[in-house]
Protein backbone atom coordinates (compact mmCIF):
# COMPACT_ATOMS: atom_id res chain seq x y z
CA GLN A 1 179.51 24.74 57.31
CA VAL A 2 176.00 26.08 56.74
CA GLN A 3 173.53 26.30 59.60
CA LEU A 4 169.82 25.82 58.93
CA VAL A 5 166.86 27.00 61.01
CA GLU A 6 163.33 26.00 60.08
CA SER A 7 160.18 27.88 61.04
CA GLY A 8 156.51 28.07 60.15
CA GLY A 9 155.21 24.78 61.47
CA GLY A 10 152.06 24.49 63.52
CA LEU A 11 148.69 22.86 64.06
CA VAL A 12 146.19 23.23 61.22
CA GLN A 13 143.06 21.53 59.95
CA ALA A 14 142.82 19.34 56.89
CA GLY A 15 142.59 21.49 53.78
CA ASP A 16 144.51 24.38 55.28
CA SER A 17 147.83 25.80 54.09
CA LEU A 18 151.18 26.47 55.73
CA ARG A 19 154.43 27.92 54.52
CA LEU A 20 157.64 26.64 56.01
CA SER A 21 160.82 28.68 55.89
CA CYS A 22 164.43 27.63 56.27
CA ALA A 23 166.97 30.35 56.96
CA ALA A 24 170.57 29.49 56.17
CA SER A 25 173.80 31.02 57.40
CA GLY A 26 177.43 30.08 56.93
CA ARG A 27 178.85 28.93 53.62
CA THR A 28 177.48 30.32 50.39
CA PHE A 29 173.79 29.48 50.31
CA SER A 30 173.37 30.09 46.61
CA SER A 31 175.81 27.31 45.71
CA ASN A 32 173.81 24.62 47.51
CA ALA A 33 170.90 22.53 46.41
CA MET A 34 168.25 22.57 49.13
CA ALA A 35 165.64 20.06 50.14
CA TRP A 36 162.81 19.33 52.50
CA PHE A 37 162.33 15.98 54.18
CA ARG A 38 159.83 14.86 56.78
CA GLN A 39 159.53 12.21 59.45
CA ALA A 40 156.21 11.03 60.79
CA PRO A 41 155.93 9.31 64.19
CA GLY A 42 157.25 5.77 64.01
CA LYS A 43 158.45 6.15 60.42
CA GLY A 44 161.70 6.84 58.66
CA ARG A 45 162.74 10.13 57.14
CA GLU A 46 160.98 10.74 53.81
CA PHE A 47 162.00 12.96 50.90
CA VAL A 48 159.49 15.73 50.15
CA SER A 49 161.07 18.10 47.64
CA LYS A 50 164.33 19.59 46.43
CA ILE A 51 165.44 22.63 44.48
CA GLY A 52 168.63 23.38 42.58
CA ALA A 53 171.07 26.11 43.52
CA SER A 54 169.62 28.61 41.05
CA GLY A 55 166.03 27.59 41.71
CA GLY A 56 165.42 26.48 38.15
CA ARG A 57 165.08 22.77 38.87
CA THR A 58 162.66 21.18 41.33
CA VAL A 59 161.55 17.67 42.23
CA TYR A 60 158.62 16.52 44.36
CA ALA A 61 157.60 13.30 45.99
CA ASP A 62 154.48 11.82 44.43
CA SER A 63 152.65 12.19 47.73
CA VAL A 64 152.91 15.99 47.64
CA LYS A 65 152.99 16.73 43.93
CA GLY A 66 150.40 19.35 43.00
CA ARG A 67 149.92 20.43 46.62
CA PHE A 68 153.38 21.57 47.77
CA SER A 69 155.70 24.07 46.14
CA ILE A 70 159.37 24.67 46.92
CA SER A 71 161.10 27.96 46.22
CA ARG A 72 164.16 29.87 47.32
CA ASP A 73 165.34 33.45 47.69
CA ASN A 74 169.11 33.53 47.39
CA ASP A 75 169.19 37.21 48.42
CA LYS A 76 167.59 36.25 51.74
CA ASN A 77 169.39 32.90 52.10
CA THR A 78 166.02 31.26 52.59
CA VAL A 79 164.19 28.29 51.12
CA TYR A 80 160.43 27.88 51.42
CA LEU A 81 157.92 25.08 51.27
CA GLN A 82 154.38 26.20 50.50
CA MET A 83 152.00 23.45 51.58
CA ASN A 84 148.40 23.59 50.37
CA SER A 85 145.47 21.21 50.80
CA LEU A 86 147.11 19.65 53.81
CA LYS A 87 146.06 16.16 54.85
CA PRO A 88 146.38 14.36 58.20
CA GLU A 89 149.01 12.11 56.61
CA ASP A 90 151.21 15.19 56.11
CA THR A 91 151.68 15.31 59.88
CA ALA A 92 155.41 15.06 60.56
CA VAL A 93 158.51 16.89 61.62
CA TYR A 94 159.77 18.73 58.55
CA TYR A 95 163.51 19.12 58.06
CA CYS A 96 165.43 21.44 55.79
CA ALA A 97 168.65 20.11 54.24
CA ALA A 98 171.54 21.54 52.23
CA GLY A 99 174.00 19.82 49.94
CA ILE A 100 174.39 18.78 46.33
CA TRP A 101 171.62 17.54 44.07
CA SER A 102 172.21 13.88 44.84
CA ARG A 103 173.19 14.10 48.50
CA PHE A 104 172.29 16.32 51.43
CA ASP A 105 174.71 16.50 54.33
CA THR A 106 173.57 19.40 56.48
CA TRP A 107 170.30 19.36 58.38
CA GLY A 108 168.19 21.70 60.43
CA GLN A 109 166.54 20.75 63.70
CA GLY A 110 163.06 20.45 62.22
CA THR A 111 159.66 22.06 62.65
CA GLN A 112 156.51 20.19 63.62
CA VAL A 113 153.50 20.19 61.30
CA THR A 114 150.30 18.66 62.65
CA VAL A 115 147.20 18.35 60.49
CA SER A 116 143.95 17.46 62.23
CA SER A 117 141.06 15.81 60.44
């Protein structure tokens, strides 16, 4: 079983950037698709982005397309989420997830991102 630990969250102003990291340990990281989800207060968990095992395939939610970028470093067992032009509506707890392309079954504990206007 892989373990996931997110970091990089914080309090920023609208228009700022943040980079989230998710460090993985356990089963072979490079064989897993990885994803980022988020959950805002009072709302359900929302898909943000995912990346294939080799890093060659990525998908983004419409709400973040053009502003966020997902990447991974299989040598460091880490997946990243670069978030630019942040908006107050991006405020949420961001979760890293591991699994296969169509289903993610292992989750981190989350990191809080707060964007002030």
